[in-house]
Amino acid sequence: MRAWTACKADFVGQLSCGDLLAKTAATELALACSPHPAHDVLSADSDTIDADGARRNPCFWGGWDRDQVFAGHLPAFVLYGSSLIERLGGWREVANDMEWLDLGIRAAATVSRDTTCHVPRVLYHRRQDASDCAPDLKALCVLVEQATGHTGLAMDEPRPSVVRVVYPRPAQPPLASIVIPTTGRPNLLMPCLESIRRKTRYPNLEVLLVSHESQQAKIKPLCNSMHELPLRLVTYDGPFNWGRANNIGAAAAQGSVLTLLNDDTEALDEGWLDELVRQSLRPDVGAVGAKLVYPDGRLQHAGMTLSADGGSYHVMRYANPDDPVHLGRLHHVREVSAVTGACLAVRSDVFRLVGGIEQDMLTVECSDVDFCLRVSERGYRVIWTPYAWLMHKERTTRGSDDTPDTKLQRLQERLYLRRRWLERLEREPFWSPNLALSEKVEAAVPPRWTRKR
């Protein structure tokens, strides 16, 4: 701390005893920040190095993510602007040698993404594994609570080296509207509704079943059998269109938080809707996705990455949900480019602001991606939470996607998405360019990063 007060540099970083910087670190960082000298935070990738100089365990980070920092996951190599440190009140005396993490948490609560820059190159070599210097969780909880400024903020259910932030909601919980487009198949709809009835702790909700008018006679008896649920039946005419069905349901909903839910899902924990509502009520959050698993327990959804051809990838699909995967990504809330519409929560005002779901140009599979991109375009963040946990029997709602007409429609929708969002699709800010854009966590060969000179 005394060294910082004497430092005259524009950026300040910390090099732990025994750790090494890459020979090109200063040059790479200077090149990265030169187009935008007003950056508040610079960061880079890292790995570990042993006594013989052998390097292993690379840590490939995406862009700056405040939720990731609040969970206790901070890149090993971070530089903070001297002006930012001054605005934050400088360094603070913190127990357990956590001054550097304290500064990162306070910065995460303050800075916006556009004033940060991550260099996707390994510029820092640690002499010990990150697991050897995991932060004290109780102390970390206190730092996060102080930085966020939420009165009565609670943190619970910590995993190893992970903090869960439980965000506040009003004493009178807002009405949450669950919008379920359905074709009325009892083998899907009944388990879905039964799971909501038996495994939803949230006290103030309504359920809207949106179905074709020809299905009323089949669905009404199902609704009557669920008399403990506040159910309403909303109808439409014409062929099934996921976006249109959700728009009709949202227009009829009375809640301030909407949860779009497929009828081939089942809640697996009592707090799933409470978590989605709490995350949705954060002022900077626009859309929230859930952890979805297949019936056999493998992971189905943990957020999506996007590619320039209009494709979207469910990252870490088929993984064991209890496996932290790279950098513990399955164990904490993360910012992502998009989340699936199979379970998507959004405040009703944000839903209306972006114009709802695109129902004319996108009718097969890209409308949820387009919706999330429009939410981001308005300045809101799209996040994924592992604390809302459901089963998803993927694609059973609309049946097979293998018909020639459906394949053609899917291709046309990807082309539409590419035309509409090309500039955004060419950069995936939440997934390292050193990692492939695929459903597996594997190296990109070659890496996708380029430097504009």
Protein backbone atom coordinates (compact mmCIF):
# COMPACT_ATOMS: atom_id res chain seq x y z
CA MET A 1 0.00 0.00 0.00
CA ARG A 2 2.87 2.37 0.76
CA ALA A 3 4.36 1.47 -2.62
CA TRP A 4 1.14 2.49 -4.36
CA THR A 5 1.11 5.95 -2.77
CA ALA A 6 4.61 6.52 -4.18
CA CYS A 7 3.74 5.10 -7.60
CA LYS A 8 3.38 7.59 -10.48
CA ALA A 9 2.33 5.09 -13.14
CA ASP A 10 -1.03 5.18 -14.92
CA PHE A 11 -1.72 1.54 -13.97
CA VAL A 12 -0.78 -0.44 -10.89
CA GLY A 13 -0.53 -4.22 -10.57
CA GLN A 14 0.68 -6.75 -8.04
CA LEU A 15 3.35 -9.37 -8.65
CA SER A 16 3.39 -12.01 -5.91
CA CYS A 17 6.69 -13.29 -4.63
CA GLY A 18 8.09 -15.93 -6.99
CA ASP A 19 5.65 -15.25 -9.82
CA LEU A 20 6.90 -14.19 -13.26
CA LEU A 21 5.74 -11.87 -16.02
CA ALA A 22 6.07 -12.83 -19.66
CA LYS A 23 8.81 -10.92 -21.45
CA THR A 24 6.23 -9.34 -23.74
CA ALA A 25 3.79 -8.39 -20.95
CA ALA A 26 4.47 -4.65 -20.94
CA THR A 27 4.31 -4.41 -24.73
CA GLU A 28 1.11 -6.44 -24.99
CA LEU A 29 -0.64 -4.39 -22.32
CA ALA A 30 0.47 -1.10 -23.88
CA LEU A 31 -0.80 -2.18 -27.30
CA ALA A 32 -4.10 -3.31 -25.80
CA CYS A 33 -4.87 -0.09 -23.99
CA SER A 34 -3.44 2.43 -26.49
CA PRO A 35 -6.68 2.74 -28.53
CA HIS A 36 -8.63 3.41 -25.31
CA PRO A 37 -6.38 5.19 -22.81
CA ALA A 38 -9.34 5.79 -20.45
CA HIS A 39 -9.48 2.15 -19.36
CA ASP A 40 -9.90 1.56 -15.64
CA VAL A 41 -8.93 -2.13 -15.56
CA LEU A 42 -6.54 -4.26 -17.60
CA SER A 43 -6.21 -8.01 -17.17
CA ALA A 44 -4.55 -10.98 -18.86
CA ASP A 45 -4.47 -14.75 -18.82
CA SER A 46 -2.13 -16.75 -16.61
CA ASP A 47 -0.72 -20.23 -16.02
CA THR A 48 1.49 -21.97 -13.46
CA ILE A 49 5.20 -22.65 -13.74
CA ASP A 50 7.29 -25.15 -11.79
CA ALA A 51 10.89 -25.02 -10.64
CA ASP A 52 12.08 -26.48 -13.95
CA GLY A 53 10.25 -23.83 -15.96
CA ALA A 54 7.53 -26.18 -17.21
CA ARG A 55 4.21 -24.39 -17.67
CA ARG A 56 0.76 -25.89 -17.21
CA ASN A 57 -2.83 -25.13 -16.12
CA PRO A 58 -3.57 -22.10 -18.32
CA CYS A 59 -6.43 -19.90 -17.13
CA PHE A 60 -8.30 -18.50 -20.13
CA TRP A 61 -10.65 -15.76 -18.98
CA GLY A 62 -13.37 -13.97 -20.85
CA GLY A 63 -14.03 -10.27 -20.40
CA TRP A 64 -14.51 -8.54 -17.07
CA ASP A 65 -17.49 -10.00 -15.20
CA ARG A 66 -18.58 -8.47 -11.89
CA ASP A 67 -20.55 -11.56 -10.84
CA GLN A 68 -17.51 -13.72 -11.39
CA VAL A 69 -15.45 -11.40 -9.17
CA PHE A 70 -18.15 -11.35 -6.47
CA ALA A 71 -17.96 -15.16 -6.44
CA GLY A 72 -14.26 -14.85 -5.59
CA HIS A 73 -12.89 -15.58 -9.08
CA LEU A 74 -10.47 -12.89 -10.20
CA PRO A 75 -7.74 -13.21 -12.85
CA ALA A 76 -4.30 -13.64 -11.33
CA PHE A 77 -3.00 -10.65 -13.29
CA VAL A 78 -4.98 -7.43 -13.08
CA LEU A 79 -3.86 -3.81 -13.45
CA TYR A 80 -5.97 -0.99 -12.03
CA GLY A 81 -5.85 2.58 -13.21
CA SER A 82 -4.35 4.90 -10.62
CA SER A 83 -7.31 7.24 -11.08
CA LEU A 84 -9.70 4.37 -10.35
CA ILE A 85 -7.81 3.47 -7.17
CA GLU A 86 -8.12 7.07 -6.03
CA ARG A 87 -11.87 7.09 -6.78
CA LEU A 88 -12.25 3.93 -4.74
CA GLY A 89 -10.54 5.54 -1.79
CA GLY A 90 -7.19 3.81 -2.25
CA TRP A 91 -5.99 0.61 -0.63
CA ARG A 92 -7.52 -0.66 2.57
CA GLU A 93 -6.10 -2.73 5.39
CA VAL A 94 -7.76 -6.15 5.02
CA ALA A 95 -7.16 -9.30 7.01
CA ASN A 96 -5.80 -12.54 5.52
CA ASP A 97 -3.72 -10.75 2.86
CA MET A 98 -6.82 -10.02 0.80
CA GLU A 99 -6.08 -6.37 -0.06
CA TRP A 100 -5.75 -7.16 -3.76
CA LEU A 101 -9.03 -9.10 -3.88
CA ASP A 102 -10.72 -6.34 -1.90
CA LEU A 103 -9.67 -3.81 -4.51
CA GLY A 104 -10.95 -6.07 -7.30
CA ILE A 105 -14.33 -6.50 -5.63
CA ARG A 106 -14.73 -2.77 -5.08
CA ALA A 107 -13.74 -2.16 -8.70
CA ALA A 108 -16.23 -4.77 -9.93
CA ALA A 109 -19.03 -2.97 -8.11
CA THR A 110 -18.06 0.32 -9.74
CA VAL A 111 -16.61 0.01 -13.24
CA SER A 112 -18.55 -0.71 -16.42
CA ARG A 113 -17.43 -3.28 -18.95
CA ASP A 114 -16.54 -0.69 -21.58
CA THR A 115 -13.81 0.74 -19.33
CA THR A 116 -12.08 -2.64 -18.97
CA CYS A 117 -9.81 -4.57 -21.29
CA HIS A 118 -8.75 -8.21 -21.13
CA VAL A 119 -5.66 -9.32 -23.07
CA PRO A 120 -6.23 -12.95 -24.13
CA ARG A 121 -2.59 -13.92 -23.81
CA VAL A 122 -0.75 -15.72 -21.03
CA LEU A 123 1.31 -12.89 -19.55
CA TYR A 124 1.56 -14.06 -15.94
CA HIS A 125 3.15 -17.25 -14.60
CA ARG A 126 2.28 -18.31 -11.07
CA ARG A 127 4.63 -20.36 -8.90
CA GLN A 128 1.73 -22.08 -7.19
CA ASP A 129 -1.73 -23.32 -8.09
CA ALA A 130 -4.66 -21.04 -7.44
CA SER A 131 -6.09 -23.71 -5.15
CA ASP A 132 -3.09 -23.23 -2.86
CA CYS A 133 -4.06 -19.65 -2.14
CA ALA A 134 -7.86 -19.79 -2.10
CA PRO A 135 -9.39 -16.81 -0.27
CA ASP A 136 -11.00 -17.04 3.14
CA LEU A 137 -14.70 -17.39 2.31
CA LYS A 138 -16.04 -15.66 5.41
CA ALA A 139 -13.78 -12.67 4.86
CA LEU A 140 -14.68 -12.67 1.17
CA CYS A 141 -18.38 -12.55 2.02
CA VAL A 142 -17.79 -9.46 4.14
CA LEU A 143 -15.88 -7.73 1.33
CA VAL A 144 -18.64 -8.44 -1.21
CA GLU A 145 -21.31 -7.19 1.18
CA GLN A 146 -19.38 -3.97 1.78
CA ALA A 147 -18.74 -3.40 -1.91
CA THR A 148 -22.29 -4.00 -3.16
CA GLY A 149 -23.84 -1.75 -0.53
CA HIS A 150 -27.03 -3.80 -0.25
CA THR A 151 -28.61 -3.46 3.18
CA GLY A 152 -29.17 -6.88 4.65
CA LEU A 153 -27.31 -8.65 1.86
CA ALA A 154 -27.05 -12.39 2.54
CA MET A 155 -24.57 -14.90 1.22
CA ASP A 156 -24.94 -18.63 1.61
CA GLU A 157 -24.25 -22.06 0.19
CA PRO A 158 -20.57 -21.51 -0.54
CA ARG A 159 -18.85 -24.15 -2.61
CA PRO A 160 -15.11 -24.57 -2.29
CA SER A 161 -13.66 -21.12 -3.10
CA VAL A 162 -17.07 -19.83 -4.31
CA VAL A 163 -19.39 -17.28 -2.69
CA ARG A 164 -23.07 -17.11 -3.52
CA VAL A 165 -24.61 -13.66 -3.36
CA VAL A 166 -28.33 -13.78 -2.57
CA TYR A 167 -29.74 -10.48 -3.80
CA PRO A 168 -32.57 -8.79 -1.91
CA ARG A 169 -36.17 -8.56 -3.02
CA PRO A 170 -39.03 -6.51 -1.55
CA ALA A 171 -40.67 -7.69 1.66
CA GLN A 172 -43.82 -8.09 -0.40
CA PRO A 173 -42.56 -10.34 -3.22
CA PRO A 174 -43.56 -9.07 -6.67
CA LEU A 175 -45.95 -11.17 -8.71
CA ALA A 176 -44.01 -13.57 -10.93
CA SER A 177 -45.78 -14.73 -14.09
CA ILE A 178 -44.74 -18.10 -15.49
CA VAL A 179 -45.61 -18.22 -19.20
CA ILE A 180 -45.77 -21.78 -20.59
CA PRO A 181 -46.45 -22.30 -24.30
CA THR A 182 -47.86 -25.81 -24.66
CA THR A 183 -49.27 -28.23 -27.17
CA GLY A 184 -51.18 -29.91 -24.36
CA ARG A 185 -49.36 -33.24 -24.19
CA PRO A 186 -50.23 -34.58 -20.72
CA ASN A 187 -47.00 -36.59 -20.40
CA LEU A 188 -45.07 -33.30 -20.56
CA LEU A 189 -47.41 -30.68 -19.16
CA MET A 190 -48.54 -32.56 -16.05
CA PRO A 191 -45.00 -33.21 -14.67
CA CYS A 192 -44.13 -29.57 -15.41
CA LEU A 193 -47.13 -28.19 -13.53
CA GLU A 194 -46.76 -30.71 -10.73
CA SER A 195 -43.14 -29.67 -10.21
CA ILE A 196 -44.20 -26.02 -9.99
CA ARG A 197 -46.88 -26.92 -7.47
CA ARG A 198 -44.65 -29.09 -5.28
CA LYS A 199 -41.20 -27.57 -5.73
CA THR A 200 -41.67 -23.82 -5.90
CA ARG A 201 -41.07 -21.92 -2.68
CA TYR A 202 -41.83 -18.50 -4.18
CA PRO A 203 -45.05 -17.20 -2.58
CA ASN A 204 -46.54 -14.91 -5.23
CA LEU A 205 -46.95 -16.36 -8.69
CA GLU A 206 -49.34 -17.02 -11.53
CA VAL A 207 -49.10 -19.59 -14.31
CA LEU A 208 -50.31 -18.86 -17.83
CA LEU A 209 -50.73 -21.82 -20.19
CA VAL A 210 -50.61 -20.58 -23.77
CA SER A 211 -52.08 -23.06 -26.23
CA HIS A 212 -53.84 -23.27 -29.57
CA GLU A 213 -57.56 -22.71 -29.32
CA SER A 214 -58.17 -26.22 -30.63
CA GLN A 215 -56.45 -27.65 -27.52
CA GLN A 216 -58.77 -26.06 -24.96
CA ALA A 217 -60.90 -29.15 -24.46
CA LYS A 218 -57.79 -31.22 -23.74
CA ILE A 219 -56.04 -28.71 -21.47
CA LYS A 220 -58.93 -27.49 -19.32
CA PRO A 221 -59.23 -30.78 -17.40
CA LEU A 222 -55.50 -30.60 -16.68
CA CYS A 223 -55.93 -27.09 -15.33
CA ASN A 224 -58.85 -28.17 -13.16
CA SER A 225 -56.74 -30.94 -11.63
CA MET A 226 -54.18 -28.33 -10.54
CA HIS A 227 -56.60 -26.29 -8.43
CA GLU A 228 -53.85 -25.33 -5.96
CA LEU A 229 -52.00 -23.43 -8.68
CA PRO A 230 -53.19 -19.99 -9.84
CA LEU A 231 -53.62 -21.10 -13.45
CA ARG A 232 -54.98 -19.23 -16.43
CA LEU A 233 -55.47 -20.54 -19.96
CA VAL A 234 -54.58 -18.19 -22.84
CA THR A 235 -55.31 -19.23 -26.42
CA TYR A 236 -54.11 -18.32 -29.91
CA ASP A 237 -54.90 -19.42 -33.45
CA GLY A 238 -52.64 -20.38 -36.33
CA PRO A 239 -49.62 -22.71 -36.34
CA PHE A 240 -47.40 -23.11 -33.28
CA ASN A 241 -44.90 -20.25 -33.02
CA TRP A 242 -42.80 -20.15 -29.84
CA GLY A 243 -42.15 -16.41 -30.01
CA ARG A 244 -45.76 -15.50 -30.74
CA ALA A 245 -47.06 -17.78 -27.98
CA ASN A 246 -44.75 -16.14 -25.44
CA ASN A 247 -45.70 -12.65 -26.60
CA ILE A 248 -49.39 -13.47 -26.21
CA GLY A 249 -48.77 -14.92 -22.77
CA ALA A 250 -46.64 -11.94 -21.70
CA ALA A 251 -49.35 -9.52 -22.82
CA ALA A 252 -51.88 -11.34 -20.61
CA ALA A 253 -49.51 -11.63 -17.64
CA GLN A 254 -49.98 -9.38 -14.63
CA GLY A 255 -46.60 -9.92 -12.98
CA SER A 256 -43.66 -7.53 -12.93
CA VAL A 257 -41.31 -10.48 -13.59
CA LEU A 258 -41.92 -12.90 -16.44
CA THR A 259 -40.49 -16.40 -16.62
CA LEU A 260 -40.73 -17.99 -20.05
CA LEU A 261 -40.83 -21.73 -19.46
CA ASN A 262 -41.10 -24.72 -21.79
CA ASP A 263 -43.67 -27.33 -20.91
CA ASP A 264 -41.00 -30.03 -21.18
CA THR A 265 -39.21 -28.77 -18.06
CA GLU A 266 -39.45 -29.76 -14.41
CA ALA A 267 -38.26 -27.80 -11.39
CA LEU A 268 -35.63 -29.66 -9.37
CA ASP A 269 -35.17 -27.32 -6.41
CA GLU A 270 -37.57 -25.23 -4.36
CA GLY A 271 -35.70 -21.97 -4.77
CA TRP A 272 -35.51 -21.88 -8.57
CA LEU A 273 -38.12 -19.17 -9.12
CA ASP A 274 -37.01 -17.12 -6.12
CA GLU A 275 -33.47 -17.05 -7.54
CA LEU A 276 -34.68 -16.00 -10.99
CA VAL A 277 -36.81 -13.20 -9.53
CA ARG A 278 -34.01 -11.91 -7.30
CA GLN A 279 -31.53 -11.82 -10.16
CA SER A 280 -34.09 -10.21 -12.51
CA LEU A 281 -34.74 -7.39 -10.04
CA ARG A 282 -31.11 -6.22 -10.18
CA PRO A 283 -31.23 -2.89 -12.05
CA ASP A 284 -28.40 -3.75 -14.47
CA VAL A 285 -29.71 -7.23 -15.34
CA GLY A 286 -32.04 -7.72 -18.28
CA ALA A 287 -32.38 -11.48 -18.75
CA VAL A 288 -31.61 -14.48 -16.53
CA GLY A 289 -31.10 -18.09 -17.55
CA ALA A 290 -31.19 -21.24 -15.42
CA LYS A 291 -29.12 -24.39 -15.04
CA LEU A 292 -30.88 -27.04 -17.10
CA VAL A 293 -30.03 -30.74 -17.09
CA TYR A 294 -31.15 -33.69 -19.15
CA PRO A 295 -33.23 -36.46 -17.55
CA ASP A 296 -30.02 -38.49 -17.14
CA GLY A 297 -28.49 -35.67 -15.08
CA ARG A 298 -26.00 -34.36 -17.64
CA LEU A 299 -25.81 -30.62 -18.22
CA GLN A 300 -27.98 -29.20 -21.00
CA HIS A 301 -27.66 -25.43 -20.52
CA ALA A 302 -25.19 -23.12 -18.81
CA GLY A 303 -25.41 -20.13 -21.12
CA MET A 304 -24.59 -19.75 -24.80
CA THR A 305 -21.66 -18.52 -26.83
CA LEU A 306 -22.21 -17.03 -30.27
CA SER A 307 -20.25 -17.25 -33.52
CA ALA A 308 -20.01 -15.00 -36.57
CA ASP A 309 -21.95 -17.45 -38.76
CA GLY A 310 -25.04 -16.99 -36.60
CA GLY A 311 -24.51 -20.19 -34.67
CA SER A 312 -25.00 -20.56 -30.94
CA TYR A 313 -23.41 -23.13 -28.64
CA HIS A 314 -24.52 -24.43 -25.27
CA VAL A 315 -21.17 -24.31 -23.55
CA MET A 316 -20.19 -27.33 -21.47
CA ARG A 317 -23.20 -29.32 -22.69
CA TYR A 318 -23.22 -32.92 -21.41
CA ALA A 319 -20.83 -32.09 -18.56
CA ASN A 320 -21.38 -33.27 -15.02
CA PRO A 321 -23.14 -30.30 -13.34
CA ASP A 322 -21.08 -30.86 -10.19
CA ASP A 323 -17.83 -30.58 -12.13
CA PRO A 324 -16.52 -26.99 -11.86
CA VAL A 325 -15.06 -27.27 -15.40
CA HIS A 326 -12.62 -24.52 -16.45
CA LEU A 327 -12.33 -21.74 -13.82
CA GLY A 328 -15.35 -23.06 -11.90
CA ARG A 329 -17.77 -21.74 -14.50
CA LEU A 330 -20.59 -24.10 -13.49
CA HIS A 331 -20.51 -23.05 -9.85
CA HIS A 332 -21.20 -19.31 -9.94
CA VAL A 333 -23.34 -16.68 -11.61
CA ARG A 334 -21.82 -15.51 -14.90
CA GLU A 335 -22.52 -12.97 -17.60
CA VAL A 336 -23.14 -14.62 -20.97
CA SER A 337 -24.08 -13.60 -24.50
CA ALA A 338 -27.42 -15.44 -24.46
CA VAL A 339 -29.54 -17.89 -22.49
CA THR A 340 -32.07 -20.38 -23.76
CA GLY A 341 -35.73 -19.47 -23.87
CA ALA A 342 -36.60 -22.84 -22.32
CA CYS A 343 -36.32 -21.04 -18.98
CA LEU A 344 -35.72 -17.30 -19.22
CA ALA A 345 -36.66 -14.67 -16.63
CA VAL A 346 -37.01 -10.99 -17.46
CA ARG A 347 -38.73 -7.99 -15.91
CA SER A 348 -41.91 -7.16 -17.76
CA ASP A 349 -40.76 -3.57 -18.38
CA VAL A 350 -37.58 -4.83 -20.07
CA PHE A 351 -39.61 -7.31 -22.12
CA ARG A 352 -41.82 -4.49 -23.39
CA LEU A 353 -38.86 -2.14 -23.91
CA VAL A 354 -37.17 -4.49 -26.39
CA GLY A 355 -40.44 -5.34 -28.13
CA GLY A 356 -40.85 -8.90 -26.86
CA ILE A 357 -39.79 -11.98 -28.83
CA GLU A 358 -39.25 -11.72 -32.60
CA GLN A 359 -42.09 -13.84 -33.96
CA ASP A 360 -42.09 -13.12 -37.69
CA MET A 361 -38.52 -13.67 -38.90
CA LEU A 362 -37.48 -16.21 -36.25
CA THR A 363 -39.78 -19.16 -35.65
CA VAL A 364 -37.51 -22.18 -35.04
CA GLU A 365 -34.48 -21.69 -32.83
CA CYS A 366 -32.85 -18.24 -32.86
CA SER A 367 -35.50 -16.03 -31.28
CA ASP A 368 -34.11 -16.41 -27.75
CA VAL A 369 -30.63 -15.42 -28.95
CA ASP A 370 -32.04 -12.42 -30.78
CA PHE A 371 -34.00 -11.42 -27.68
CA CYS A 372 -30.90 -11.55 -25.48
CA LEU A 373 -28.91 -9.49 -27.97
CA ARG A 374 -31.64 -6.84 -28.00
CA VAL A 375 -31.61 -6.82 -24.20
CA SER A 376 -27.83 -6.29 -24.26
CA GLU A 377 -28.19 -3.59 -26.91
CA ARG A 378 -30.31 -1.64 -24.43
CA GLY A 379 -27.48 -1.71 -21.89
CA TYR A 380 -28.68 -4.58 -19.71
CA ARG A 381 -26.66 -7.64 -18.79
CA VAL A 382 -27.65 -11.22 -19.59
CA ILE A 383 -26.63 -13.65 -16.84
CA TRP A 384 -26.79 -17.36 -16.06
CA THR A 385 -27.27 -18.71 -12.55
CA PRO A 386 -26.56 -22.23 -11.29
CA TYR A 387 -28.95 -21.66 -8.37
CA ALA A 388 -32.11 -22.11 -10.46
CA TRP A 389 -32.07 -25.79 -11.39
CA LEU A 390 -34.51 -27.55 -13.71
CA MET A 391 -34.73 -30.62 -15.93
CA HIS A 392 -35.25 -30.04 -19.64
CA LYS A 393 -36.43 -32.75 -22.04
CA GLU A 394 -35.01 -30.77 -24.93
CA ARG A 395 -37.03 -30.27 -28.12
CA THR A 396 -39.97 -32.40 -27.10
CA THR A 397 -42.24 -29.34 -27.11
CA ARG A 398 -42.04 -28.80 -30.84
CA GLY A 399 -40.99 -32.28 -31.96
CA SER A 400 -38.31 -33.21 -34.45
CA ASP A 401 -36.06 -30.59 -36.04
CA ASP A 402 -34.93 -32.96 -38.79
CA THR A 403 -37.48 -32.25 -41.51
CA PRO A 404 -36.18 -30.57 -44.69
CA ASP A 405 -38.42 -27.55 -44.16
CA THR A 406 -37.20 -27.09 -40.60
CA LYS A 407 -33.56 -27.41 -41.63
CA LEU A 408 -34.07 -24.77 -44.32
CA GLN A 409 -35.85 -22.48 -41.86
CA ARG A 410 -33.02 -22.90 -39.36
CA LEU A 411 -30.47 -21.89 -42.01
CA GLN A 412 -32.53 -18.85 -42.98
CA GLU A 413 -32.80 -17.79 -39.35
CA ARG A 414 -29.04 -18.02 -38.87
CA LEU A 415 -28.57 -15.82 -41.95
CA TYR A 416 -31.06 -13.33 -40.53
CA LEU A 417 -29.24 -13.34 -37.20
CA ARG A 418 -25.93 -12.78 -38.99
CA ARG A 419 -27.29 -9.85 -41.01
CA ARG A 420 -28.91 -8.26 -37.96
CA TRP A 421 -26.08 -8.79 -35.47
CA LEU A 422 -22.89 -9.31 -37.51
CA GLU A 423 -20.77 -6.77 -35.63
CA ARG A 424 -21.76 -8.26 -32.28
CA LEU A 425 -21.44 -11.87 -33.43
CA GLU A 426 -17.87 -11.27 -34.60
CA ARG A 427 -16.82 -10.71 -31.00
CA GLU A 428 -17.73 -13.09 -28.20
CA PRO A 429 -16.89 -11.07 -25.07
CA PHE A 430 -17.67 -13.71 -22.45
CA TRP A 431 -15.70 -16.68 -23.77
CA SER A 432 -11.95 -16.59 -24.24
CA PRO A 433 -10.73 -16.50 -27.86
CA ASN A 434 -8.23 -19.13 -26.74
CA LEU A 435 -11.15 -21.55 -26.31
CA ALA A 436 -13.10 -23.03 -29.19
CA LEU A 437 -16.64 -21.89 -29.91
CA SER A 438 -18.17 -25.28 -29.30
CA GLU A 439 -20.02 -27.24 -26.65
CA LYS A 440 -16.76 -28.58 -25.21
CA VAL A 441 -14.09 -26.69 -23.28
CA GLU A 442 -11.16 -27.15 -25.62
CA ALA A 443 -8.44 -25.01 -27.10
CA ALA A 444 -9.18 -22.94 -30.20
CA VAL A 445 -6.79 -23.86 -33.02
CA PRO A 446 -5.79 -21.28 -33.99
CA PRO A 447 -6.93 -18.77 -31.33
CA ARG A 448 -9.58 -16.33 -32.56
CA TRP A 449 -7.90 -13.16 -31.34
CA THR A 450 -6.39 -10.62 -33.68
CA ARG A 451 -4.69 -7.34 -32.99
CA LYS A 452 -5.73 -4.31 -35.02
CA ARG A 453 -2.79 -2.04 -35.69
